[in-house]
Amino acid sequence: MGYPRLGGEGGKGGDVWVVAHKKMTLKQLKDKYPQKRFVAGEGANSCVNALKGSRGKDCEIPVPVGISVTDENGKIIGELSKEKDRILVAEGGLGGKLLTNFLPLKGQKRVIHLDLKLIADIGLVGFPNAGKSSLLSQVSHAKPAIADYAFTTLQPELGKIVYNDFRQISVADLPGLIEGAHMNKGMGHKFLKHIERTRQLLFVVDISGFQLSSQTQYRTAFETIILLTKELELYKEELQTKPALLAVNKMDLPGAQDMFHVLMNQLQNPKDFLHLFKKNMIPERTVEFQHIIPISAITGEGIEELKNYIRKSLDEHANQENGAYHKKQLLNLQISNTISYNEPPPKNGVTSPR
């Protein structure tokens, strides 16, 4: 409340902020605040001793890094991509003053949704049982669940590749996609959103192909690559613009080398083989892989080579991005210089409409 007799202003209500903390998880947030209701402090009334009422205390909602905040209509309010990032989600009301007839105004009330997206350098993409979890356990210290049946990975796993010079690269293993994932089939669609925040994609395919069950069609390694590409395209076309590598797994199987030569021929001339697919299964553009590496997550074959290629690819694209950024800055500088050196129009110039 304001103080009309002396023109005192009441304190503004506190604001509600969402703040990113590295060690926070959504589970911790849910356990700590089961009622899911957050209220900032009220501003103090104006009085003789303090004509300017003190401001209400802000309320901070601690969330993990990688949170996307949306309102109840699904509109994005903001994203928290790094430690200490903060978003104002509800503003406190104004304190009573002359403009408000010395009556305080109500603060903002809002329902928000928190959606967590993993942030990783590399996102593993593949059908179930392609060996993504085995690969993650080989290249990092992560301990994902591994078994010889589909859908072992039920939630995203995050691992880190640590190199001899202590460079670290994060890798996200996402639950396997199946045909129709973009239409909410299987579990993979829930986790496609995580791919959006990875810098590069690592396709993992089984050299012997894939068959989800006896009721579904068998797919060769080449077919799985085309179908995975189509699923990503149908979910979000921009995903296809991400740099991608291909790990051809299970090279320890009998006849793997012959199958690999066939696959390489198909990947070098994909258009020659697209007639084998139904029209609605063919992607608008096929993925051009930066590197194709044959590996065996069981024997360890090709793992060190894969790790080196991952690092090389990330570094190459970081340099390209930096180069593009500097070119843009230089262009902006040249444009601003051109504008500043242009002669100003005459002061008494008259323009008339046509």
Protein backbone atom coordinates (compact mmCIF):
# COMPACT_ATOMS: atom_id res chain seq x y z
CA MET A 1 0.00 0.00 0.00
CA GLY A 2 1.07 3.58 -0.66
CA TYR A 3 0.74 6.38 1.96
CA PRO A 4 -1.63 8.99 0.42
CA ARG A 5 -1.20 11.67 3.11
CA LEU A 6 2.57 11.96 2.55
CA GLY A 7 2.72 10.64 -1.03
CA GLY A 8 4.59 7.51 0.02
CA GLU A 9 5.08 4.65 -2.45
CA GLY A 10 4.51 1.02 -1.51
CA GLY A 11 7.15 -1.58 -2.34
CA LYS A 12 6.98 -3.53 -5.60
CA GLY A 13 6.20 -7.24 -5.31
CA GLY A 14 9.03 -9.73 -5.83
CA ASP A 15 9.60 -11.49 -9.17
CA VAL A 16 9.71 -15.23 -9.88
CA TRP A 17 12.80 -16.40 -11.79
CA VAL A 18 13.85 -19.76 -13.23
CA VAL A 19 17.61 -20.19 -12.67
CA ALA A 20 19.91 -22.89 -14.11
CA HIS A 21 22.13 -24.88 -11.72
CA LYS A 22 24.56 -27.55 -12.88
CA LYS A 23 23.98 -29.97 -10.03
CA MET A 24 20.19 -29.71 -10.07
CA THR A 25 17.90 -32.39 -11.50
CA LEU A 26 14.18 -32.31 -12.24
CA LYS A 27 13.68 -35.11 -9.71
CA GLN A 28 15.33 -33.02 -6.97
CA LEU A 29 13.12 -30.08 -7.89
CA LYS A 30 9.99 -32.24 -7.74
CA ASP A 31 10.99 -33.80 -4.41
CA LYS A 32 11.87 -30.45 -2.84
CA TYR A 33 8.74 -28.64 -4.07
CA PRO A 34 6.00 -31.29 -4.38
CA GLN A 35 3.25 -28.63 -4.46
CA LYS A 36 4.92 -27.08 -7.58
CA ARG A 37 3.81 -23.62 -6.48
CA PHE A 38 6.25 -20.72 -6.21
CA VAL A 39 5.34 -17.36 -4.71
CA ALA A 40 7.59 -14.30 -4.47
CA GLY A 41 7.51 -11.96 -1.46
CA GLU A 42 5.11 -9.05 -1.01
CA GLY A 43 6.33 -5.47 -1.10
CA ALA A 44 6.25 -3.55 2.18
CA ASN A 45 3.65 -0.87 2.87
CA SER A 46 4.70 2.75 2.82
CA CYS A 47 4.69 4.31 6.31
CA VAL A 48 5.85 7.43 8.15
CA ASN A 49 9.19 5.82 9.02
CA ALA A 50 9.77 4.46 5.50
CA LEU A 51 7.85 6.37 2.81
CA LYS A 52 9.42 4.18 0.10
CA GLY A 53 8.26 0.66 0.97
CA SER A 54 10.90 -2.05 0.55
CA ARG A 55 10.69 -4.39 -2.44
CA GLY A 56 9.34 -7.93 -2.04
CA LYS A 57 11.83 -10.82 -2.04
CA ASP A 58 12.38 -12.53 -5.40
CA CYS A 59 11.67 -16.25 -5.69
CA GLU A 60 14.12 -18.43 -7.63
CA ILE A 61 13.19 -21.83 -9.06
CA PRO A 62 16.38 -23.92 -9.37
CA VAL A 63 16.40 -26.07 -12.51
CA PRO A 64 18.98 -28.17 -14.40
CA VAL A 65 20.93 -26.73 -17.33
CA GLY A 66 19.18 -27.48 -20.64
CA ILE A 67 15.67 -26.50 -19.52
CA SER A 68 13.20 -25.03 -21.98
CA VAL A 69 10.45 -22.98 -20.28
CA THR A 70 7.06 -22.77 -21.97
CA ASP A 71 3.72 -21.26 -20.93
CA GLU A 72 0.49 -23.26 -20.71
CA ASN A 73 -0.18 -22.64 -24.43
CA GLY A 74 3.16 -24.18 -25.40
CA LYS A 75 4.79 -20.84 -26.30
CA ILE A 76 8.49 -20.78 -25.42
CA ILE A 77 9.33 -18.20 -22.73
CA GLY A 78 13.05 -18.97 -22.88
CA GLU A 79 15.82 -21.56 -22.66
CA LEU A 80 18.55 -22.04 -20.09
CA SER A 81 21.65 -23.39 -21.82
CA LYS A 82 24.37 -22.69 -19.27
CA GLU A 83 25.02 -22.37 -15.52
CA LYS A 84 23.45 -19.27 -13.88
CA ASP A 85 21.23 -18.48 -16.91
CA ARG A 86 17.97 -16.99 -15.65
CA ILE A 87 14.52 -16.21 -17.05
CA LEU A 88 11.87 -13.94 -15.56
CA VAL A 89 8.64 -15.95 -15.56
CA ALA A 90 6.33 -13.86 -13.34
CA GLU A 91 6.73 -10.18 -12.53
CA GLY A 92 5.77 -8.66 -9.21
CA GLY A 93 3.00 -6.04 -9.10
CA LEU A 94 3.71 -2.33 -8.65
CA GLY A 95 3.45 -0.83 -5.19
CA GLY A 96 0.75 1.77 -4.45
CA LYS A 97 1.62 5.24 -5.79
CA LEU A 98 -0.13 8.36 -7.04
CA LEU A 99 -0.78 6.78 -10.48
CA THR A 100 -2.55 3.81 -8.88
CA ASN A 101 -4.42 5.88 -6.29
CA PHE A 102 -1.90 4.49 -3.77
CA LEU A 103 -3.31 0.98 -4.17
CA PRO A 104 -0.96 -1.88 -5.01
CA LEU A 105 -1.32 -3.76 -8.33
CA LYS A 106 -1.51 -7.53 -8.51
CA GLY A 107 1.56 -9.40 -9.66
CA GLN A 108 1.67 -11.78 -12.58
CA LYS A 109 0.28 -15.30 -12.09
CA ARG A 110 1.41 -17.94 -14.53
CA VAL A 111 1.48 -21.69 -15.19
CA ILE A 112 4.75 -22.82 -16.76
CA HIS A 113 6.08 -26.13 -18.09
CA LEU A 114 9.71 -27.22 -17.74
CA ASP A 115 11.06 -29.39 -20.54
CA LEU A 116 14.57 -30.79 -20.23
CA LYS A 117 16.69 -31.26 -23.35
CA LEU A 118 20.11 -32.81 -23.04
CA ILE A 119 23.03 -30.74 -24.28
CA ALA A 120 25.77 -32.89 -25.81
CA ASP A 121 28.46 -32.61 -28.45
CA ILE A 122 27.43 -35.87 -30.12
CA GLY A 123 24.01 -37.55 -30.28
CA LEU A 124 23.83 -41.27 -31.07
CA VAL A 125 21.07 -42.08 -33.56
CA GLY A 126 20.02 -45.59 -34.51
CA PHE A 127 17.39 -48.31 -34.45
CA PRO A 128 17.05 -50.45 -31.29
CA ASN A 129 19.79 -53.04 -30.78
CA ALA A 130 22.23 -51.31 -33.15
CA GLY A 131 24.77 -51.36 -30.31
CA LYS A 132 24.59 -47.70 -29.25
CA SER A 133 24.78 -48.51 -25.52
CA SER A 134 27.70 -50.90 -26.06
CA LEU A 135 29.46 -48.18 -28.06
CA LEU A 136 28.84 -45.58 -25.34
CA SER A 137 30.32 -47.92 -22.71
CA GLN A 138 33.38 -48.43 -24.95
CA VAL A 139 34.14 -44.77 -25.66
CA SER A 140 33.25 -43.35 -22.23
CA HIS A 141 32.93 -44.21 -18.54
CA ALA A 142 29.12 -44.41 -18.77
CA LYS A 143 27.50 -47.69 -17.67
CA PRO A 144 24.27 -47.99 -19.68
CA ALA A 145 22.08 -51.11 -19.52
CA ILE A 146 23.11 -53.55 -22.27
CA ALA A 147 21.27 -56.69 -23.45
CA ASP A 148 20.69 -58.65 -26.64
CA TYR A 149 17.11 -57.45 -27.16
CA ALA A 150 15.59 -54.23 -28.48
CA PHE A 151 14.69 -51.26 -26.26
CA THR A 152 17.27 -51.87 -23.53
CA THR A 153 17.78 -48.09 -23.32
CA LEU A 154 14.63 -46.64 -21.80
CA GLN A 155 15.97 -43.17 -21.06
CA PRO A 156 18.78 -41.00 -22.43
CA GLU A 157 22.29 -41.75 -21.15
CA LEU A 158 25.07 -39.18 -21.13
CA GLY A 159 28.73 -40.19 -21.30
CA LYS A 160 32.03 -38.35 -21.77
CA ILE A 161 34.95 -39.29 -24.01
CA VAL A 162 38.12 -38.29 -22.16
CA TYR A 163 41.26 -37.98 -24.31
CA ASN A 164 44.90 -38.28 -23.22
CA ASP A 165 45.27 -34.48 -23.17
CA PHE A 166 42.15 -34.31 -20.91
CA ARG A 167 39.91 -32.91 -23.66
CA GLN A 168 36.32 -34.03 -22.97
CA ILE A 169 33.52 -34.59 -25.49
CA SER A 170 30.00 -35.42 -24.29
CA VAL A 171 27.97 -38.14 -26.00
CA ALA A 172 24.21 -38.70 -25.59
CA ASP A 173 22.82 -42.21 -26.15
CA LEU A 174 19.13 -41.88 -27.01
CA PRO A 175 16.55 -44.70 -26.99
CA GLY A 176 16.31 -46.43 -30.37
CA LEU A 177 14.00 -45.02 -33.02
CA ILE A 178 11.64 -47.20 -35.01
CA GLU A 179 9.84 -46.53 -38.28
CA GLY A 180 7.06 -44.05 -37.54
CA ALA A 181 8.88 -42.47 -34.54
CA HIS A 182 7.89 -38.99 -35.76
CA MET A 183 4.23 -40.11 -35.37
CA ASN A 184 4.83 -41.09 -31.73
CA LYS A 185 5.44 -44.77 -32.46
CA GLY A 186 7.80 -46.53 -30.08
CA MET A 187 9.77 -44.63 -27.44
CA GLY A 188 12.33 -42.81 -29.58
CA HIS A 189 9.98 -39.94 -30.46
CA LYS A 190 10.04 -38.76 -26.84
CA PHE A 191 13.76 -38.26 -27.13
CA LEU A 192 14.07 -36.77 -30.61
CA LYS A 193 13.97 -33.35 -28.93
CA HIS A 194 17.36 -34.10 -27.34
CA ILE A 195 18.95 -34.45 -30.78
CA GLU A 196 18.09 -30.79 -31.43
CA ARG A 197 20.72 -29.64 -28.96
CA THR A 198 23.57 -31.92 -30.00
CA ARG A 199 26.25 -30.32 -32.16
CA GLN A 200 26.71 -33.37 -34.38
CA LEU A 201 25.01 -36.71 -35.02
CA LEU A 202 26.61 -40.14 -34.94
CA PHE A 203 24.50 -42.70 -36.81
CA VAL A 204 25.07 -46.22 -35.45
CA VAL A 205 23.90 -49.08 -37.69
CA ASP A 206 24.16 -52.85 -37.46
CA ILE A 207 26.06 -54.14 -40.51
CA SER A 208 23.74 -57.16 -40.64
CA GLY A 209 20.61 -54.95 -40.77
CA PHE A 210 17.65 -54.76 -38.40
CA GLN A 211 14.32 -56.44 -37.76
CA LEU A 212 12.22 -55.27 -34.82
CA SER A 213 10.15 -58.47 -34.61
CA SER A 214 9.03 -61.42 -36.71
CA GLN A 215 5.95 -59.37 -37.74
CA THR A 216 8.01 -56.47 -39.14
CA GLN A 217 10.06 -56.22 -42.30
CA TYR A 218 13.79 -56.92 -42.29
CA ARG A 219 15.91 -53.87 -43.20
CA THR A 220 19.49 -53.89 -44.53
CA ALA A 221 22.12 -51.50 -43.12
CA PHE A 222 21.59 -49.14 -46.08
CA GLU A 223 17.82 -49.21 -45.60
CA THR A 224 18.16 -48.40 -41.88
CA ILE A 225 20.29 -45.33 -42.75
CA ILE A 226 17.69 -44.10 -45.27
CA LEU A 227 14.81 -44.72 -42.84
CA LEU A 228 16.61 -43.01 -39.95
CA THR A 229 17.26 -40.01 -42.20
CA LYS A 230 13.56 -39.92 -43.12
CA GLU A 231 12.47 -40.08 -39.47
CA LEU A 232 14.71 -37.13 -38.58
CA GLU A 233 13.46 -35.18 -41.60
CA LEU A 234 9.79 -35.77 -40.69
CA TYR A 235 10.41 -34.72 -37.08
CA LYS A 236 12.41 -31.59 -37.92
CA GLU A 237 14.08 -30.82 -41.24
CA GLU A 238 16.84 -28.73 -39.62
CA LEU A 239 18.23 -31.89 -38.00
CA GLN A 240 19.49 -32.94 -41.44
CA THR A 241 21.74 -29.88 -41.60
CA LYS A 242 23.76 -31.10 -38.62
CA PRO A 243 27.15 -32.61 -39.43
CA ALA A 244 26.95 -36.41 -39.20
CA LEU A 245 29.29 -39.38 -38.87
CA LEU A 246 28.46 -43.03 -39.44
CA ALA A 247 29.64 -45.92 -37.24
CA VAL A 248 28.99 -49.29 -38.86
CA ASN A 249 28.82 -51.65 -35.89
CA LYS A 250 29.15 -55.43 -35.36
CA MET A 251 32.02 -55.82 -37.81
CA ASP A 252 33.04 -58.93 -35.84
CA LEU A 253 30.14 -60.89 -37.39
CA PRO A 254 30.85 -63.48 -40.13
CA GLY A 255 30.72 -61.95 -43.64
CA ALA A 256 30.78 -58.39 -42.22
CA GLN A 257 33.56 -57.22 -44.56
CA ASP A 258 31.62 -58.23 -47.69
CA MET A 259 28.47 -56.52 -46.36
CA PHE A 260 30.52 -53.40 -45.59
CA HIS A 261 31.82 -53.18 -49.19
CA VAL A 262 28.22 -53.45 -50.46
CA LEU A 263 27.12 -50.72 -48.03
CA MET A 264 29.96 -48.38 -49.07
CA ASN A 265 28.95 -48.79 -52.72
CA GLN A 266 25.32 -47.97 -51.85
CA LEU A 267 26.34 -44.89 -49.83
CA GLN A 268 28.59 -43.61 -52.64
CA ASN A 269 25.73 -43.87 -55.15
CA PRO A 270 22.54 -43.65 -53.03
CA LYS A 271 20.31 -42.49 -55.92
CA ASP A 272 20.96 -45.76 -57.77
CA PHE A 273 19.25 -47.67 -54.95
CA LEU A 274 16.39 -45.36 -53.92
CA HIS A 275 14.02 -47.07 -56.38
CA LEU A 276 13.93 -49.99 -53.89
CA PHE A 277 11.98 -47.80 -51.43
CA LYS A 278 8.38 -46.65 -51.36
CA LYS A 279 8.06 -42.99 -52.33
CA ASN A 280 6.99 -41.89 -48.83
CA MET A 281 10.11 -43.51 -47.32
CA ILE A 282 12.63 -41.58 -49.42
CA PRO A 283 14.09 -38.49 -47.69
CA GLU A 284 14.27 -35.14 -49.51
CA ARG A 285 18.03 -35.23 -49.12
CA THR A 286 20.35 -38.04 -48.12
CA VAL A 287 22.91 -37.49 -45.38
CA GLU A 288 26.49 -36.90 -46.48
CA PHE A 289 28.62 -38.40 -43.73
CA GLN A 290 31.84 -36.63 -42.74
CA HIS A 291 33.45 -39.98 -41.95
CA ILE A 292 32.33 -43.62 -42.13
CA ILE A 293 34.03 -45.86 -39.58
CA PRO A 294 33.63 -49.66 -39.34
CA ILE A 295 33.68 -50.72 -35.67
CA SER A 296 32.91 -53.51 -33.25
CA ALA A 297 31.71 -52.34 -29.86
CA ILE A 298 32.28 -55.91 -28.57
CA THR A 299 35.92 -56.44 -29.66
CA GLY A 300 36.92 -52.76 -29.60
CA GLU A 301 37.84 -52.74 -33.29
CA GLY A 302 37.85 -49.20 -34.75
CA ILE A 303 36.92 -47.54 -31.42
CA GLU A 304 40.10 -45.42 -31.13
CA GLU A 305 39.77 -44.40 -34.77
CA LEU A 306 36.14 -43.40 -34.16
CA LYS A 307 37.11 -41.29 -31.13
CA ASN A 308 39.73 -39.49 -33.21
CA TYR A 309 37.29 -38.84 -36.05
CA ILE A 310 34.69 -37.47 -33.59
CA ARG A 311 37.24 -35.01 -32.22
CA LYS A 312 38.50 -34.06 -35.69
CA SER A 313 34.97 -33.44 -36.99
CA LEU A 314 33.98 -31.26 -34.01
CA ASP A 315 37.19 -29.21 -34.33
CA GLU A 316 36.76 -28.75 -38.10
CA HIS A 317 33.23 -27.44 -37.69
CA ALA A 318 34.17 -25.22 -34.74
CA ASN A 319 36.84 -23.61 -36.99
CA GLN A 320 34.32 -23.21 -39.82
CA GLU A 321 31.80 -21.58 -37.45
CA ASN A 322 34.48 -19.22 -36.13
CA GLY A 323 35.55 -18.37 -39.69
CA ALA A 324 31.94 -17.71 -40.73
CA TYR A 325 31.42 -15.54 -37.63
CA HIS A 326 34.54 -13.44 -38.36
CA LYS A 327 33.50 -13.03 -42.03
CA LYS A 328 30.08 -11.82 -40.90
CA GLN A 329 31.66 -9.36 -38.44
CA LEU A 330 33.97 -8.06 -41.19
CA LEU A 331 31.05 -7.67 -43.61
CA ASN A 332 29.03 -5.76 -40.98
CA LEU A 333 32.04 -3.50 -40.37
CA GLN A 334 32.42 -2.82 -44.12
CA ILE A 335 28.70 -2.04 -44.46
CA SER A 336 28.75 0.35 -41.46
CA ASN A 337 31.86 2.09 -42.89
CA THR A 338 30.16 2.46 -46.28
CA ILE A 339 27.08 4.00 -44.65
CA SER A 340 29.13 6.40 -42.53
CA TYR A 341 31.17 7.61 -45.54
CA ASN A 342 28.14 8.20 -47.76
CA GLU A 343 27.45 11.89 -48.32
CA PRO A 344 24.50 13.14 -46.25
CA PRO A 345 21.55 14.52 -48.24
CA PRO A 346 21.40 18.34 -48.67
CA LYS A 347 19.78 20.05 -45.70
CA ASN A 348 17.28 21.98 -47.80
CA GLY A 349 16.38 19.02 -49.99
CA VAL A 350 12.69 18.74 -50.73
CA THR A 351 11.00 15.48 -51.63
CA SER A 352 7.61 15.28 -53.20
CA PRO A 353 5.31 12.31 -53.53
CA ARG A 354 4.88 10.80 -56.98
